[in-house]
Amino acid sequence: MEIELPKRKSCRIPGYDYSQNGAYFITICTHQKRWLFGNLSQESAPTVVEIVQAFKRYSTIEYIHLVKQGAAEPFEKYVWQRSFHDHIVRTEDDFRMIAEYIQNNPRRWEEDCFHPTKNPPTKEPPP
């Protein structure tokens, strides 16, 4: 007997060739948007999905090691939210807008509606 799993909504643009060269803007979030990693500093190709999966997998493994050593805050069930947000950069204006977002967003984090002081995470994930 085959178990039918729930179908996830595809993040892909129908008909778009993701193997072509291009600039991509990707956002991934911790589960329940928890601030687990503190301040991060700036310092044949795989697909975007493979890159994000590998990043989430290896960073979760490392984070678990830190938790076991008492060097990081424990998490509930998951470190990362399911899936990720990506955006295909199509124009120079698009690129400039995203570059500005990347540059300015960390400075505005404490004012963000998702900052833990403004919107503390709940124990239950959103529906």
PDB file of N, CA and C in Angstrom:
ATOM      1  N   MET A   1       0.847  -1.193   0.000  1.00  0.00           N
ATOM      2  CA  MET A   1       0.000   0.000   0.000  1.00  0.00           C
ATOM      3  C   MET A   1       0.886   1.247   0.000  1.00  0.00           C
ATOM      4  N   GLU A   2       0.609   2.164  -0.888  1.00  0.00           N
ATOM      5  CA  GLU A   2       1.414   3.368  -1.013  1.00  0.00           C
ATOM      6  C   GLU A   2       0.784   4.497  -0.195  1.00  0.00           C
ATOM      7  N   ILE A   3       1.617   5.169   0.594  1.00  0.00           N
ATOM      8  CA  ILE A   3       1.150   6.294   1.398  1.00  0.00           C
ATOM      9  C   ILE A   3       1.223   7.553   0.547  1.00  0.00           C
ATOM     10  N   GLU A   4       0.147   8.306   0.520  1.00  0.00           N
ATOM     11  CA  GLU A   4       0.141   9.548  -0.240  1.00  0.00           C
ATOM     12  C   GLU A   4       0.553  10.691   0.677  1.00  0.00           C
ATOM     13  N   LEU A   5       1.675  11.317   0.339  1.00  0.00           N
ATOM     14  CA  LEU A   5       2.183  12.435   1.122  1.00  0.00           C
ATOM     15  C   LEU A   5       1.554  13.730   0.644  1.00  0.00           C
ATOM     16  N   PRO A   6       1.469  14.733   1.532  1.00  0.00           N
ATOM     17  CA  PRO A   6       0.919  16.012   1.105  1.00  0.00           C
ATOM     18  C   PRO A   6       1.792  16.640   0.020  1.00  0.00           C
ATOM     19  N   LYS A   7       1.166  17.342  -0.904  1.00  0.00           N
ATOM     20  CA  LYS A   7       1.873  17.995  -2.010  1.00  0.00           C
ATOM     21  C   LYS A   7       2.278  19.407  -1.590  1.00  0.00           C
ATOM     22  N   ARG A   8       3.561  19.731  -1.783  1.00  0.00           N
ATOM     23  CA  ARG A   8       4.031  21.086  -1.523  1.00  0.00           C
ATOM     24  C   ARG A   8       3.835  21.942  -2.761  1.00  0.00           C
ATOM     25  N   LYS A   9       3.547  23.205  -2.536  1.00  0.00           N
ATOM     26  CA  LYS A   9       3.433  24.151  -3.638  1.00  0.00           C
ATOM     27  C   LYS A   9       4.839  24.387  -4.195  1.00  0.00           C
ATOM     28  N   SER A  10       4.987  24.313  -5.496  1.00  0.00           N
ATOM     29  CA  SER A  10       6.284  24.527  -6.129  1.00  0.00           C
ATOM     30  C   SER A  10       6.666  25.996  -6.072  1.00  0.00           C
ATOM     31  N   CYS A  11       7.926  26.256  -5.779  1.00  0.00           N
ATOM     32  CA  CYS A  11       8.447  27.621  -5.768  1.00  0.00           C
ATOM     33  C   CYS A  11       8.955  28.038  -7.145  1.00  0.00           C
ATOM     34  N   ARG A  12       8.951  27.124  -8.089  1.00  0.00           N
ATOM     35  CA  ARG A  12       9.545  27.372  -9.400  1.00  0.00           C
ATOM     36  C   ARG A  12       8.579  28.085 -10.343  1.00  0.00           C
ATOM     37  N   ILE A  13       9.154  28.901 -11.226  1.00  0.00           N
ATOM     38  CA  ILE A  13       8.377  29.578 -12.259  1.00  0.00           C
ATOM     39  C   ILE A  13       8.190  28.579 -13.397  1.00  0.00           C
ATOM     40  N   PRO A  14       6.947  28.286 -13.780  1.00  0.00           N
ATOM     41  CA  PRO A  14       6.724  27.317 -14.856  1.00  0.00           C
ATOM     42  C   PRO A  14       7.435  27.740 -16.139  1.00  0.00           C
ATOM     43  N   GLY A  15       8.185  26.814 -16.722  1.00  0.00           N
ATOM     44  CA  GLY A  15       8.851  27.061 -17.984  1.00  0.00           C
ATOM     45  C   GLY A  15      10.194  27.780 -17.881  1.00  0.00           C
ATOM     46  N   TYR A  16      10.588  28.245 -16.685  1.00  0.00           N
ATOM     47  CA  TYR A  16      11.867  28.949 -16.547  1.00  0.00           C
ATOM     48  C   TYR A  16      13.003  27.933 -16.490  1.00  0.00           C
ATOM     49  N   ASP A  17      14.091  28.195 -17.218  1.00  0.00           N
ATOM     50  CA  ASP A  17      15.257  27.306 -17.239  1.00  0.00           C
ATOM     51  C   ASP A  17      16.213  27.713 -16.119  1.00  0.00           C
ATOM     52  N   TYR A  18      16.133  27.024 -15.001  1.00  0.00           N
ATOM     53  CA  TYR A  18      16.958  27.342 -13.838  1.00  0.00           C
ATOM     54  C   TYR A  18      18.425  26.958 -14.022  1.00  0.00           C
ATOM     55  N   SER A  19      18.760  26.263 -15.099  1.00  0.00           N
ATOM     56  CA  SER A  19      20.153  25.888 -15.322  1.00  0.00           C
ATOM     57  C   SER A  19      20.935  26.996 -16.024  1.00  0.00           C
ATOM     58  N   GLN A  20      20.242  28.033 -16.502  1.00  0.00           N
ATOM     59  CA  GLN A  20      20.949  29.117 -17.182  1.00  0.00           C
ATOM     60  C   GLN A  20      21.655  30.011 -16.174  1.00  0.00           C
ATOM     61  N   ASN A  21      22.722  30.667 -16.638  1.00  0.00           N
ATOM     62  CA  ASN A  21      23.436  31.597 -15.771  1.00  0.00           C
ATOM     63  C   ASN A  21      22.512  32.741 -15.389  1.00  0.00           C
ATOM     64  N   GLY A  22      22.678  33.242 -14.188  1.00  0.00           N
ATOM     65  CA  GLY A  22      21.864  34.356 -13.737  1.00  0.00           C
ATOM     66  C   GLY A  22      22.143  34.664 -12.288  1.00  0.00           C
ATOM     67  N   ALA A  23      21.585  35.734 -11.817  1.00  0.00           N
ATOM     68  CA  ALA A  23      21.700  36.118 -10.409  1.00  0.00           C
ATOM     69  C   ALA A  23      20.420  35.711  -9.710  1.00  0.00           C
ATOM     70  N   TYR A  24      20.552  35.141  -8.539  1.00  0.00           N
ATOM     71  CA  TYR A  24      19.405  34.688  -7.758  1.00  0.00           C
ATOM     72  C   TYR A  24      19.505  35.252  -6.356  1.00  0.00           C
ATOM     73  N   PHE A  25      18.402  35.666  -5.813  1.00  0.00           N
ATOM     74  CA  PHE A  25      18.312  36.164  -4.444  1.00  0.00           C
ATOM     75  C   PHE A  25      17.523  35.135  -3.660  1.00  0.00           C
ATOM     76  N   ILE A  26      18.115  34.583  -2.609  1.00  0.00           N
ATOM     77  CA  ILE A  26      17.497  33.498  -1.850  1.00  0.00           C
ATOM     78  C   ILE A  26      17.380  33.913  -0.391  1.00  0.00           C
ATOM     79  N   THR A  27      16.235  33.649   0.207  1.00  0.00           N
ATOM     80  CA  THR A  27      16.036  33.886   1.625  1.00  0.00           C
ATOM     81  C   THR A  27      15.623  32.575   2.266  1.00  0.00           C
ATOM     82  N   ILE A  28      16.323  32.178   3.320  1.00  0.00           N
ATOM     83  CA  ILE A  28      15.898  31.037   4.127  1.00  0.00           C
ATOM     84  C   ILE A  28      15.778  31.524   5.563  1.00  0.00           C
ATOM     85  N   CYS A  29      14.838  30.972   6.293  1.00  0.00           N
ATOM     86  CA  CYS A  29      14.576  31.437   7.653  1.00  0.00           C
ATOM     87  C   CYS A  29      14.659  30.281   8.636  1.00  0.00           C
ATOM     88  N   THR A  30      15.082  30.594   9.840  1.00  0.00           N
ATOM     89  CA  THR A  30      15.052  29.588  10.892  1.00  0.00           C
ATOM     90  C   THR A  30      13.599  29.263  11.219  1.00  0.00           C
ATOM     91  N   HIS A  31      13.375  28.065  11.719  1.00  0.00           N
ATOM     92  CA  HIS A  31      12.031  27.646  12.111  1.00  0.00           C
ATOM     93  C   HIS A  31      11.492  28.632  13.141  1.00  0.00           C
ATOM     94  N   GLN A  32      10.288  29.086  12.952  1.00  0.00           N
ATOM     95  CA  GLN A  32       9.619  30.067  13.801  1.00  0.00           C
ATOM     96  C   GLN A  32      10.384  31.397  13.858  1.00  0.00           C
ATOM     97  N   LYS A  33      11.251  31.610  12.848  1.00  0.00           N
ATOM     98  CA  LYS A  33      12.033  32.850  12.721  1.00  0.00           C
ATOM     99  C   LYS A  33      12.843  33.151  13.986  1.00  0.00           C
ATOM    100  N   ARG A  34      13.348  32.081  14.630  1.00  0.00           N
ATOM    101  CA  ARG A  34      14.139  32.258  15.856  1.00  0.00           C
ATOM    102  C   ARG A  34      15.534  32.746  15.512  1.00  0.00           C
ATOM    103  N   TRP A  35      16.059  33.599  16.351  1.00  0.00           N
ATOM    104  CA  TRP A  35      17.394  34.153  16.158  1.00  0.00           C
ATOM    105  C   TRP A  35      18.372  33.233  16.873  1.00  0.00           C
ATOM    106  N   LEU A  36      18.923  32.262  16.154  1.00  0.00           N
ATOM    107  CA  LEU A  36      19.774  31.241  16.757  1.00  0.00           C
ATOM    108  C   LEU A  36      21.256  31.464  16.520  1.00  0.00           C
ATOM    109  N   PHE A  37      21.617  32.174  15.480  1.00  0.00           N
ATOM    110  CA  PHE A  37      23.016  32.231  15.081  1.00  0.00           C
ATOM    111  C   PHE A  37      23.738  33.503  15.478  1.00  0.00           C
ATOM    112  N   GLY A  38      23.076  34.413  16.168  1.00  0.00           N
ATOM    113  CA  GLY A  38      23.735  35.646  16.564  1.00  0.00           C
ATOM    114  C   GLY A  38      24.031  36.518  15.356  1.00  0.00           C
ATOM    115  N   ASN A  39      25.052  37.341  15.474  1.00  0.00           N
ATOM    116  CA  ASN A  39      25.437  38.225  14.377  1.00  0.00           C
ATOM    117  C   ASN A  39      26.397  37.490  13.448  1.00  0.00           C
ATOM    118  N   LEU A  40      26.064  37.439  12.176  1.00  0.00           N
ATOM    119  CA  LEU A  40      26.917  36.812  11.178  1.00  0.00           C
ATOM    120  C   LEU A  40      27.703  37.900  10.462  1.00  0.00           C
ATOM    121  N   SER A  41      28.978  37.621  10.158  1.00  0.00           N
ATOM    122  CA  SER A  41      29.802  38.615   9.479  1.00  0.00           C
ATOM    123  C   SER A  41      29.833  38.343   7.977  1.00  0.00           C
ATOM    124  N   GLN A  42      30.246  39.348   7.184  1.00  0.00           N
ATOM    125  CA  GLN A  42      30.337  39.179   5.733  1.00  0.00           C
ATOM    126  C   GLN A  42      31.735  38.667   5.392  1.00  0.00           C
ATOM    127  N   GLU A  43      32.207  38.344   5.395  1.00  0.00           N
ATOM    128  CA  GLU A  43      33.566  37.877   5.057  1.00  0.00           C
ATOM    129  C   GLU A  43      33.481  37.081   3.649  1.00  0.00           C
ATOM    130  N   SER A  44      30.342  20.811 -13.112  1.00  0.00           N
ATOM    131  CA  SER A  44      28.977  20.735 -12.924  1.00  0.00           C
ATOM    132  C   SER A  44      28.419  21.270 -11.674  1.00  0.00           C
ATOM    133  N   ALA A  45      27.701  22.610 -11.603  1.00  0.00           N
ATOM    134  CA  ALA A  45      27.256  23.392 -10.484  1.00  0.00           C
ATOM    135  C   ALA A  45      25.990  22.792  -9.889  1.00  0.00           C
ATOM    136  N   PRO A  46      25.887  22.807  -8.563  1.00  0.00           N
ATOM    137  CA  PRO A  46      24.668  22.299  -7.922  1.00  0.00           C
ATOM    138  C   PRO A  46      23.488  23.242  -8.160  1.00  0.00           C
ATOM    139  N   THR A  47      22.283  22.723  -7.998  1.00  0.00           N
ATOM    140  CA  THR A  47      21.093  23.553  -8.153  1.00  0.00           C
ATOM    141  C   THR A  47      20.915  24.402  -6.899  1.00  0.00           C
ATOM    142  N   VAL A  48      20.078  25.411  -7.012  1.00  0.00           N
ATOM    143  CA  VAL A  48      19.771  26.256  -5.859  1.00  0.00           C
ATOM    144  C   VAL A  48      19.199  25.404  -4.732  1.00  0.00           C
ATOM    145  N   VAL A  49      18.314  24.479  -5.084  1.00  0.00           N
ATOM    146  CA  VAL A  49      17.704  23.606  -4.071  1.00  0.00           C
ATOM    147  C   VAL A  49      18.787  22.806  -3.354  1.00  0.00           C
ATOM    148  N   GLU A  50      19.735  22.244  -4.104  1.00  0.00           N
ATOM    149  CA  GLU A  50      20.811  21.457  -3.493  1.00  0.00           C
ATOM    150  C   GLU A  50      21.689  22.309  -2.583  1.00  0.00           C
ATOM    151  N   ILE A  51      21.971  23.534  -3.005  1.00  0.00           N
ATOM    152  CA  ILE A  51      22.784  24.436  -2.175  1.00  0.00           C
ATOM    153  C   ILE A  51      22.074  24.740  -0.863  1.00  0.00           C
ATOM    154  N   VAL A  52      20.801  25.077  -0.946  1.00  0.00           N
ATOM    155  CA  VAL A  52      20.039  25.407   0.266  1.00  0.00           C
ATOM    156  C   VAL A  52      19.907  24.179   1.158  1.00  0.00           C
ATOM    157  N   GLN A  53      19.614  23.015   0.571  1.00  0.00           N
ATOM    158  CA  GLN A  53      19.502  21.794   1.372  1.00  0.00           C
ATOM    159  C   GLN A  53      20.810  21.489   2.090  1.00  0.00           C
ATOM    160  N   ALA A  54      21.928  21.590   1.370  1.00  0.00           N
ATOM    161  CA  ALA A  54      23.231  21.317   1.979  1.00  0.00           C
ATOM    162  C   ALA A  54      23.527  22.316   3.085  1.00  0.00           C
ATOM    163  N   PHE A  55      23.243  23.591   2.833  1.00  0.00           N
ATOM    164  CA  PHE A  55      23.474  24.607   3.859  1.00  0.00           C
ATOM    165  C   PHE A  55      22.667  24.306   5.111  1.00  0.00           C
ATOM    166  N   LYS A  56      21.380  24.019   4.939  1.00  0.00           N
ATOM    167  CA  LYS A  56      20.528  23.729   6.082  1.00  0.00           C
ATOM    168  C   LYS A  56      20.995  22.464   6.813  1.00  0.00           C
ATOM    169  N   ARG A  57      21.334  21.427   6.074  1.00  0.00           N
ATOM    170  CA  ARG A  57      21.761  20.157   6.673  1.00  0.00           C
ATOM    171  C   ARG A  57      23.036  20.349   7.503  1.00  0.00           C
ATOM    172  N   TYR A  58      24.066  20.914   6.902  1.00  0.00           N
ATOM    173  CA  TYR A  58      25.352  21.023   7.593  1.00  0.00           C
ATOM    174  C   TYR A  58      25.328  22.057   8.712  1.00  0.00           C
ATOM    175  N   SER A  59      24.600  23.142   8.520  1.00  0.00           N
ATOM    176  CA  SER A  59      24.520  24.129   9.598  1.00  0.00           C
ATOM    177  C   SER A  59      23.714  23.580  10.779  1.00  0.00           C
ATOM    178  N   THR A  60      22.706  22.757  10.492  1.00  0.00           N
ATOM    179  CA  THR A  60      21.938  22.127  11.579  1.00  0.00           C
ATOM    180  C   THR A  60      22.818  21.166  12.362  1.00  0.00           C
ATOM    181  N   ILE A  61      23.610  20.358  11.662  1.00  0.00           N
ATOM    182  CA  ILE A  61      24.515  19.414  12.338  1.00  0.00           C
ATOM    183  C   ILE A  61      25.480  20.178  13.241  1.00  0.00           C
ATOM    184  N   GLU A  62      26.065  21.240  12.720  1.00  0.00           N
ATOM    185  CA  GLU A  62      27.005  22.031  13.519  1.00  0.00           C
ATOM    186  C   GLU A  62      26.302  22.695  14.695  1.00  0.00           C
ATOM    187  N   TYR A  63      25.096  23.182  14.451  1.00  0.00           N
ATOM    188  CA  TYR A  63      24.360  23.839  15.532  1.00  0.00           C
ATOM    189  C   TYR A  63      24.031  22.840  16.641  1.00  0.00           C
ATOM    190  N   ILE A  64      23.678  21.616  16.277  1.00  0.00           N
ATOM    191  CA  ILE A  64      23.406  20.575  17.279  1.00  0.00           C
ATOM    192  C   ILE A  64      24.650  20.329  18.134  1.00  0.00           C
ATOM    193  N   HIS A  65      25.824  20.291  17.499  1.00  0.00           N
ATOM    194  CA  HIS A  65      27.074  20.128  18.258  1.00  0.00           C
ATOM    195  C   HIS A  65      27.252  21.273  19.259  1.00  0.00           C
ATOM    196  N   LEU A  66      26.973  22.486  18.836  1.00  0.00           N
ATOM    197  CA  LEU A  66      27.092  23.637  19.737  1.00  0.00           C
ATOM    198  C   LEU A  66      26.108  23.546  20.897  1.00  0.00           C
ATOM    199  N   VAL A  67      24.894  23.112  20.612  1.00  0.00           N
ATOM    200  CA  VAL A  67      23.886  22.957  21.668  1.00  0.00           C
ATOM    201  C   VAL A  67      24.359  21.923  22.690  1.00  0.00           C
ATOM    202  N   LYS A  68      24.873  20.793  22.204  1.00  0.00           N
ATOM    203  CA  LYS A  68      25.355  19.733  23.106  1.00  0.00           C
ATOM    204  C   LYS A  68      26.520  20.194  23.964  1.00  0.00           C
ATOM    205  N   GLN A  69      27.306  21.132  23.452  1.00  0.00           N
ATOM    206  CA  GLN A  69      28.433  21.679  24.208  1.00  0.00           C
ATOM    207  C   GLN A  69      28.002  22.813  25.137  1.00  0.00           C
ATOM    208  N   GLY A  70      26.743  23.199  25.063  1.00  0.00           N
ATOM    209  CA  GLY A  70      26.245  24.306  25.879  1.00  0.00           C
ATOM    210  C   GLY A  70      26.630  25.673  25.332  1.00  0.00           C
ATOM    211  N   ALA A  71      27.070  25.717  24.076  1.00  0.00           N
ATOM    212  CA  ALA A  71      27.533  26.970  23.480  1.00  0.00           C
ATOM    213  C   ALA A  71      26.467  27.665  22.642  1.00  0.00           C
ATOM    214  N   ALA A  72      25.295  27.040  22.484  1.00  0.00           N
ATOM    215  CA  ALA A  72      24.223  27.640  21.688  1.00  0.00           C
ATOM    216  C   ALA A  72      22.877  27.282  22.321  1.00  0.00           C
ATOM    217  N   GLU A  73      21.900  28.111  22.030  1.00  0.00           N
ATOM    218  CA  GLU A  73      20.558  27.924  22.580  1.00  0.00           C
ATOM    219  C   GLU A  73      19.875  26.713  21.945  1.00  0.00           C
ATOM    220  N   PRO A  74      19.264  25.848  22.754  1.00  0.00           N
ATOM    221  CA  PRO A  74      18.511  24.718  22.183  1.00  0.00           C
ATOM    222  C   PRO A  74      17.356  25.213  21.307  1.00  0.00           C
ATOM    223  N   PHE A  75      16.931  24.362  20.399  1.00  0.00           N
ATOM    224  CA  PHE A  75      15.828  24.707  19.505  1.00  0.00           C
ATOM    225  C   PHE A  75      14.740  23.663  19.661  1.00  0.00           C
ATOM    226  N   GLU A  76      13.546  24.022  19.195  1.00  0.00           N
ATOM    227  CA  GLU A  76      12.393  23.130  19.278  1.00  0.00           C
ATOM    228  C   GLU A  76      12.136  22.470  17.929  1.00  0.00           C
ATOM    229  N   LYS A  77      12.360  21.208  17.826  1.00  0.00           N
ATOM    230  CA  LYS A  77      12.033  20.376  16.675  1.00  0.00           C
ATOM    231  C   LYS A  77      12.849  20.669  15.420  1.00  0.00           C
ATOM    232  N   TYR A  78      12.892  21.908  14.940  1.00  0.00           N
ATOM    233  CA  TYR A  78      13.603  22.260  13.711  1.00  0.00           C
ATOM    234  C   TYR A  78      14.448  23.505  13.936  1.00  0.00           C
ATOM    235  N   VAL A  79      15.530  23.629  13.174  1.00  0.00           N
ATOM    236  CA  VAL A  79      16.306  24.869  13.154  1.00  0.00           C
ATOM    237  C   VAL A  79      15.757  25.781  12.056  1.00  0.00           C
ATOM    238  N   TRP A  80      15.464  25.212  10.888  1.00  0.00           N
ATOM    239  CA  TRP A  80      15.057  25.991   9.721  1.00  0.00           C
ATOM    240  C   TRP A  80      13.582  25.810   9.392  1.00  0.00           C
ATOM    241  N   GLN A  81      12.982  26.850   8.809  1.00  0.00           N
ATOM    242  CA  GLN A  81      11.639  26.725   8.255  1.00  0.00           C
ATOM    243  C   GLN A  81      11.708  25.838   7.015  1.00  0.00           C
ATOM    244  N   ARG A  82      10.580  25.252   6.654  1.00  0.00           N
ATOM    245  CA  ARG A  82      10.510  24.472   5.416  1.00  0.00           C
ATOM    246  C   ARG A  82      10.747  25.387   4.225  1.00  0.00           C
ATOM    247  N   SER A  83      11.342  24.834   3.197  1.00  0.00           N
ATOM    248  CA  SER A  83      11.518  25.491   1.912  1.00  0.00           C
ATOM    249  C   SER A  83      12.379  26.753   2.036  1.00  0.00           C
ATOM    250  N   PHE A  84      12.258  27.654   1.096  1.00  0.00           N
ATOM    251  CA  PHE A  84      12.992  28.907   1.081  1.00  0.00           C
ATOM    252  C   PHE A  84      12.345  29.821   0.055  1.00  0.00           C
ATOM    253  N   HIS A  85      12.719  31.091   0.107  1.00  0.00           N
ATOM    254  CA  HIS A  85      12.219  32.061  -0.868  1.00  0.00           C
ATOM    255  C   HIS A  85      13.356  32.374  -1.821  1.00  0.00           C
ATOM    256  N   ASP A  86      13.118  32.321  -3.106  1.00  0.00           N
ATOM    257  CA  ASP A  86      14.124  32.768  -4.062  1.00  0.00           C
ATOM    258  C   ASP A  86      13.483  33.727  -5.045  1.00  0.00           C
ATOM    259  N   HIS A  87      14.312  34.524  -5.649  1.00  0.00           N
ATOM    260  CA  HIS A  87      13.842  35.548  -6.581  1.00  0.00           C
ATOM    261  C   HIS A  87      14.837  35.614  -7.728  1.00  0.00           C
ATOM    262  N   ILE A  88      14.384  35.464  -8.935  1.00  0.00           N
ATOM    263  CA  ILE A  88      15.254  35.571 -10.107  1.00  0.00           C
ATOM    264  C   ILE A  88      15.467  37.048 -10.399  1.00  0.00           C
ATOM    265  N   VAL A  89      16.723  37.451 -10.439  1.00  0.00           N
ATOM    266  CA  VAL A  89      17.070  38.840 -10.693  1.00  0.00           C
ATOM    267  C   VAL A  89      17.079  39.050 -12.204  1.00  0.00           C
ATOM    268  N   ARG A  90      16.129  39.844 -12.694  1.00  0.00           N
ATOM    269  CA  ARG A  90      15.947  39.979 -14.139  1.00  0.00           C
ATOM    270  C   ARG A  90      16.465  41.290 -14.712  1.00  0.00           C
ATOM    271  N   THR A  91      16.513  42.331 -13.897  1.00  0.00           N
ATOM    272  CA  THR A  91      16.902  43.645 -14.426  1.00  0.00           C
ATOM    273  C   THR A  91      17.938  44.298 -13.515  1.00  0.00           C
ATOM    274  N   GLU A  92      18.583  45.335 -14.036  1.00  0.00           N
ATOM    275  CA  GLU A  92      19.546  46.101 -13.235  1.00  0.00           C
ATOM    276  C   GLU A  92      18.850  46.747 -12.033  1.00  0.00           C
ATOM    277  N   ASP A  93      17.633  47.265 -12.241  1.00  0.00           N
ATOM    278  CA  ASP A  93      16.889  47.876 -11.132  1.00  0.00           C
ATOM    279  C   ASP A  93      16.598  46.842 -10.052  1.00  0.00           C
ATOM    280  N   ASP A  94      16.207  45.655 -10.476  1.00  0.00           N
ATOM    281  CA  ASP A  94      15.965  44.549  -9.556  1.00  0.00           C
ATOM    282  C   ASP A  94      17.229  44.254  -8.736  1.00  0.00           C
ATOM    283  N   PHE A  95      18.367  44.172  -9.436  1.00  0.00           N
ATOM    284  CA  PHE A  95      19.643  43.893  -8.793  1.00  0.00           C
ATOM    285  C   PHE A  95      19.988  44.980  -7.780  1.00  0.00           C
ATOM    286  N   ARG A  96      19.848  46.246  -8.173  1.00  0.00           N
ATOM    287  CA  ARG A  96      20.161  47.361  -7.268  1.00  0.00           C
ATOM    288  C   ARG A  96      19.256  47.344  -6.033  1.00  0.00           C
ATOM    289  N   MET A  97      17.965  47.068  -6.241  1.00  0.00           N
ATOM    290  CA  MET A  97      17.019  47.038  -5.125  1.00  0.00           C
ATOM    291  C   MET A  97      17.397  45.932  -4.121  1.00  0.00           C
ATOM    292  N   ILE A  98      17.776  44.776  -4.633  1.00  0.00           N
ATOM    293  CA  ILE A  98      18.155  43.665  -3.762  1.00  0.00           C
ATOM    294  C   ILE A  98      19.474  43.963  -3.059  1.00  0.00           C
ATOM    295  N   ALA A  99      20.434  44.542  -3.777  1.00  0.00           N
ATOM    296  CA  ALA A  99      21.716  44.904  -3.158  1.00  0.00           C
ATOM    297  C   ALA A  99      21.494  45.907  -2.026  1.00  0.00           C
ATOM    298  N   GLU A 100      20.608  46.860  -2.242  1.00  0.00           N
ATOM    299  CA  GLU A 100      20.283  47.837  -1.200  1.00  0.00           C
ATOM    300  C   GLU A 100      19.620  47.147   0.000  1.00  0.00           C
ATOM    301  N   TYR A 101      18.727  46.215  -0.276  1.00  0.00           N
ATOM    302  CA  TYR A 101      18.079  45.461   0.794  1.00  0.00           C
ATOM    303  C   TYR A 101      19.126  44.706   1.630  1.00  0.00           C
ATOM    304  N   ILE A 102      20.049  44.022   0.950  1.00  0.00           N
ATOM    305  CA  ILE A 102      21.082  43.256   1.648  1.00  0.00           C
ATOM    306  C   ILE A 102      21.956  44.188   2.493  1.00  0.00           C
ATOM    307  N   GLN A 103      22.294  45.337   1.953  1.00  0.00           N
ATOM    308  CA  GLN A 103      23.137  46.297   2.655  1.00  0.00           C
ATOM    309  C   GLN A 103      22.428  46.894   3.873  1.00  0.00           C
ATOM    310  N   ASN A 104      21.169  47.260   3.724  1.00  0.00           N
ATOM    311  CA  ASN A 104      20.464  48.006   4.765  1.00  0.00           C
ATOM    312  C   ASN A 104      19.698  47.144   5.762  1.00  0.00           C
ATOM    313  N   ASN A 105      19.305  45.938   5.373  1.00  0.00           N
ATOM    314  CA  ASN A 105      18.446  45.135   6.229  1.00  0.00           C
ATOM    315  C   ASN A 105      19.042  44.838   7.612  1.00  0.00           C
ATOM    316  N   PRO A 106      20.323  44.455   7.720  1.00  0.00           N
ATOM    317  CA  PRO A 106      20.855  44.177   9.068  1.00  0.00           C
ATOM    318  C   PRO A 106      20.781  45.376  10.002  1.00  0.00           C
ATOM    319  N   ARG A 107      20.929  46.579   9.460  1.00  0.00           N
ATOM    320  CA  ARG A 107      20.850  47.793  10.295  1.00  0.00           C
ATOM    321  C   ARG A 107      19.445  48.032  10.820  1.00  0.00           C
ATOM    322  N   ARG A 108      18.443  47.501  10.111  1.00  0.00           N
ATOM    323  CA  ARG A 108      17.038  47.733  10.476  1.00  0.00           C
ATOM    324  C   ARG A 108      16.427  46.560  11.231  1.00  0.00           C
ATOM    325  N   TRP A 109      17.211  45.528  11.560  1.00  0.00           N
ATOM    326  CA  TRP A 109      16.682  44.318  12.167  1.00  0.00           C
ATOM    327  C   TRP A 109      15.924  44.587  13.465  1.00  0.00           C
ATOM    328  N   GLU A 110      16.439  45.449  14.317  1.00  0.00           N
ATOM    329  CA  GLU A 110      15.763  45.704  15.596  1.00  0.00           C
ATOM    330  C   GLU A 110      14.411  46.385  15.415  1.00  0.00           C
ATOM    331  N   GLU A 111      14.195  47.016  14.262  1.00  0.00           N
ATOM    332  CA  GLU A 111      12.908  47.664  13.974  1.00  0.00           C
ATOM    333  C   GLU A 111      11.945  46.733  13.241  1.00  0.00           C
ATOM    334  N   ASP A 112      12.423  45.594  12.788  1.00  0.00           N
ATOM    335  CA  ASP A 112      11.627  44.663  11.991  1.00  0.00           C
ATOM    336  C   ASP A 112      10.497  44.058  12.824  1.00  0.00           C
ATOM    337  N   CYS A 113       9.344  43.868  12.202  1.00  0.00           N
ATOM    338  CA  CYS A 113       8.198  43.292  12.927  1.00  0.00           C
ATOM    339  C   CYS A 113       8.467  41.857  13.353  1.00  0.00           C
ATOM    340  N   PHE A 114       9.446  41.186  12.735  1.00  0.00           N
ATOM    341  CA  PHE A 114       9.774  39.814  13.108  1.00  0.00           C
ATOM    342  C   PHE A 114      10.880  39.727  14.154  1.00  0.00           C
ATOM    343  N   HIS A 115      11.438  40.860  14.578  1.00  0.00           N
ATOM    344  CA  HIS A 115      12.471  40.844  15.619  1.00  0.00           C
ATOM    345  C   HIS A 115      11.863  40.241  16.884  1.00  0.00           C
ATOM    346  N   PRO A 116      12.607  39.377  17.583  1.00  0.00           N
ATOM    347  CA  PRO A 116      12.044  38.698  18.760  1.00  0.00           C
ATOM    348  C   PRO A 116      11.469  39.634  19.821  1.00  0.00           C
ATOM    349  N   THR A 117      11.990  40.856  19.945  1.00  0.00           N
ATOM    350  CA  THR A 117      11.441  41.779  20.945  1.00  0.00           C
ATOM    351  C   THR A 117      10.095  42.346  20.518  1.00  0.00           C
ATOM    352  N   LYS A 118       9.811  42.351  19.224  1.00  0.00           N
ATOM    353  CA  LYS A 118       8.541  42.883  18.708  1.00  0.00           C
ATOM    354  C   LYS A 118       7.479  41.792  18.572  1.00  0.00           C
ATOM    355  N   ASN A 119       7.928  40.594  18.241  1.00  0.00           N
ATOM    356  CA  ASN A 119       7.005  39.512  17.951  1.00  0.00           C
ATOM    357  C   ASN A 119       7.619  38.200  18.454  1.00  0.00           C
ATOM    358  N   PRO A 120       7.571  37.967  19.785  1.00  0.00           N
ATOM    359  CA  PRO A 120       8.214  36.763  20.304  1.00  0.00           C
ATOM    360  C   PRO A 120       7.672  35.500  19.638  1.00  0.00           C
ATOM    361  N   PRO A 121       8.562  34.535  19.324  1.00  0.00           N
ATOM    362  CA  PRO A 121       8.095  33.312  18.684  1.00  0.00           C
ATOM    363  C   PRO A 121       7.153  32.525  19.583  1.00  0.00           C
ATOM    364  N   THR A 122       6.241  31.848  18.959  1.00  0.00           N
ATOM    365  CA  THR A 122       5.302  31.022  19.712  1.00  0.00           C
ATOM    366  C   THR A 122       5.861  29.613  19.805  1.00  0.00           C
ATOM    367  N   LYS A 123       5.284  28.811  20.655  1.00  0.00           N
ATOM    368  CA  LYS A 123       5.677  27.418  20.785  1.00  0.00           C
ATOM    369  C   LYS A 123       5.177  26.603  19.606  1.00  0.00           C
ATOM    370  N   GLU A 124       4.058  26.999  19.035  1.00  0.00           N
ATOM    371  CA  GLU A 124       3.451  26.277  17.922  1.00  0.00           C
ATOM    372  C   GLU A 124       3.780  26.949  16.606  1.00  0.00           C
ATOM    373  N   PRO A 125       4.114  26.191  15.557  1.00  0.00           N
ATOM    374  CA  PRO A 125       4.351  26.807  14.252  1.00  0.00           C
ATOM    375  C   PRO A 125       3.063  27.367  13.687  1.00  0.00           C
ATOM    376  N   PRO A 126       3.170  28.405  12.834  1.00  0.00           N
ATOM    377  CA  PRO A 126       1.955  28.954  12.236  1.00  0.00           C
ATOM    378  C   PRO A 126       1.275  27.930  11.324  1.00  0.00           C
ATOM    379  N   PRO A 127      -0.041  28.097  11.101  1.00  0.00           N
ATOM    380  CA  PRO A 127      -0.761  27.129  10.255  1.00  0.00           C
ATOM    381  C   PRO A 127      -0.283  27.134   8.827  1.00  0.00           C
TER     382      PRO A 127
END
